[in-house]
Amino acid sequence: MISKVNILGIDHTIDYIPKCELLEQCAGLVEYAKAEIKISNELVPQQKKRVILHEILHVILNELNITDENLCDICTEDLIKRLTVGLVNVDIIDIKTEGV
């Protein structure tokens, strides 16, 4: 599974940790100051992919200053959930590019 991702020029490590170390209702979280994404190691690979994408979207919105000041927390989380569903269903492997 992926262990590092560069988001908007910042390398973020991805750590897989026991679910008990996460917040009660979370499968993942971002530690912005440390540039770390923590994901439950108890998830199956497809769930891990979805949670990683979800947390990446949190980082992007945070870095672009699209926060609860602009949107309410519930709206932001709903937006991230919807975008995650869309992105997790993109099969990048099948994208063909000419001359790359």
Protein backbone atom coordinates (compact mmCIF):
# COMPACT_ATOMS: atom_id res chain seq x y z
CA MET A 1 0.00 0.00 0.00
CA ILE A 2 1.08 3.58 -0.60
CA SER A 3 3.34 5.08 2.08
CA LYS A 4 3.87 8.64 0.82
CA VAL A 5 1.94 11.13 -1.29
CA ASN A 6 2.87 14.60 -2.51
CA ILE A 7 -0.06 16.98 -2.15
CA LEU A 8 0.37 20.48 -3.56
CA GLY A 9 4.14 20.20 -3.25
CA ILE A 10 4.20 18.85 0.30
CA ASP A 11 5.20 15.24 1.00
CA HIS A 12 2.78 13.52 3.37
CA THR A 13 3.59 10.17 4.93
CA ILE A 14 0.82 7.62 5.20
CA ASP A 15 0.89 5.53 8.35
CA TYR A 16 -1.29 2.48 8.92
CA ILE A 17 -2.20 2.27 12.59
CA PRO A 18 -4.57 0.28 14.82
CA LYS A 19 -8.16 1.55 14.73
CA CYS A 20 -8.07 2.10 18.49
CA GLU A 21 -5.52 4.93 17.97
CA LEU A 22 -7.99 6.88 15.80
CA LEU A 23 -10.98 8.92 16.87
CA GLU A 24 -14.05 6.79 17.58
CA GLN A 25 -15.92 7.36 14.29
CA CYS A 26 -12.85 7.70 12.05
CA ALA A 27 -11.09 5.33 9.70
CA GLY A 28 -8.43 7.94 9.02
CA LEU A 29 -7.22 11.39 9.97
CA VAL A 30 -4.75 14.08 8.97
CA GLU A 31 -2.13 15.63 11.23
CA TYR A 32 -1.60 18.81 9.23
CA ALA A 33 1.38 20.15 11.20
CA LYS A 34 3.27 16.86 10.75
CA ALA A 35 2.14 16.27 7.14
CA GLU A 36 0.92 12.81 8.16
CA ILE A 37 -2.11 10.84 7.13
CA LYS A 38 -3.09 8.04 9.48
CA ILE A 39 -5.25 5.18 8.22
CA SER A 40 -6.73 2.24 10.10
CA ASN A 41 -4.72 -0.89 9.34
CA GLU A 42 -7.85 -2.97 9.89
CA LEU A 43 -9.43 -1.96 6.58
CA VAL A 44 -9.41 -4.04 3.40
CA PRO A 45 -7.39 -2.57 0.49
CA GLN A 46 -10.39 -1.01 -1.28
CA GLN A 47 -11.48 0.70 1.95
CA LYS A 48 -7.93 1.96 2.53
CA LYS A 49 -7.91 3.48 -0.96
CA ARG A 50 -11.18 5.27 -0.27
CA VAL A 51 -10.00 6.58 3.11
CA ILE A 52 -6.67 7.75 1.67
CA LEU A 53 -8.50 9.69 -1.05
CA HIS A 54 -10.85 11.12 1.58
CA GLU A 55 -7.95 12.35 3.71
CA ILE A 56 -6.11 13.73 0.65
CA LEU A 57 -9.20 15.82 -0.10
CA HIS A 58 -9.13 17.15 3.48
CA VAL A 59 -5.51 18.21 2.92
CA ILE A 60 -6.31 19.87 -0.40
CA LEU A 61 -9.24 21.83 1.03
CA ASN A 62 -7.13 22.85 4.02
CA GLU A 63 -4.16 23.95 1.89
CA LEU A 64 -6.44 25.93 -0.43
CA ASN A 65 -8.08 27.51 2.60
CA ILE A 66 -11.48 26.04 1.81
CA THR A 67 -12.38 25.49 5.43
CA ASP A 68 -15.35 25.73 7.72
CA GLU A 69 -15.08 29.52 7.47
CA ASN A 70 -16.23 29.19 3.87
CA LEU A 71 -18.40 26.10 4.37
CA CYS A 72 -19.94 24.60 7.48
CA ASP A 73 -18.18 21.49 8.87
CA ILE A 74 -21.05 19.24 7.83
CA CYS A 75 -21.06 20.70 4.30
CA THR A 76 -17.30 20.24 4.01
CA GLU A 77 -17.46 16.61 5.17
CA ASP A 78 -20.40 15.89 2.84
CA LEU A 79 -18.51 17.46 -0.08
CA ILE A 80 -15.43 15.35 0.70
CA LYS A 81 -17.49 12.16 0.96
CA ARG A 82 -19.14 12.82 -2.41
CA LEU A 83 -15.86 13.69 -4.14
CA THR A 84 -14.23 10.57 -2.66
CA VAL A 85 -16.94 8.35 -4.14
CA GLY A 86 -16.35 9.95 -7.53
CA LEU A 87 -12.55 9.74 -7.38
CA VAL A 88 -12.34 6.21 -6.04
CA ASN A 89 -14.20 5.09 -9.16
CA VAL A 90 -11.70 6.68 -11.57
CA ASP A 91 -9.49 4.01 -13.10
CA ILE A 92 -6.29 5.93 -13.83
CA ILE A 93 -4.59 2.84 -15.28
CA ASP A 94 -6.88 2.95 -18.33
CA ILE A 95 -6.23 6.61 -19.15
CA LYS A 96 -4.17 6.78 -22.34
CA THR A 97 -2.09 9.87 -23.16
CA GLU A 98 -0.36 10.59 -26.45
CA GLY A 99 3.33 11.45 -26.38
CA VAL A 100 3.87 11.01 -22.64
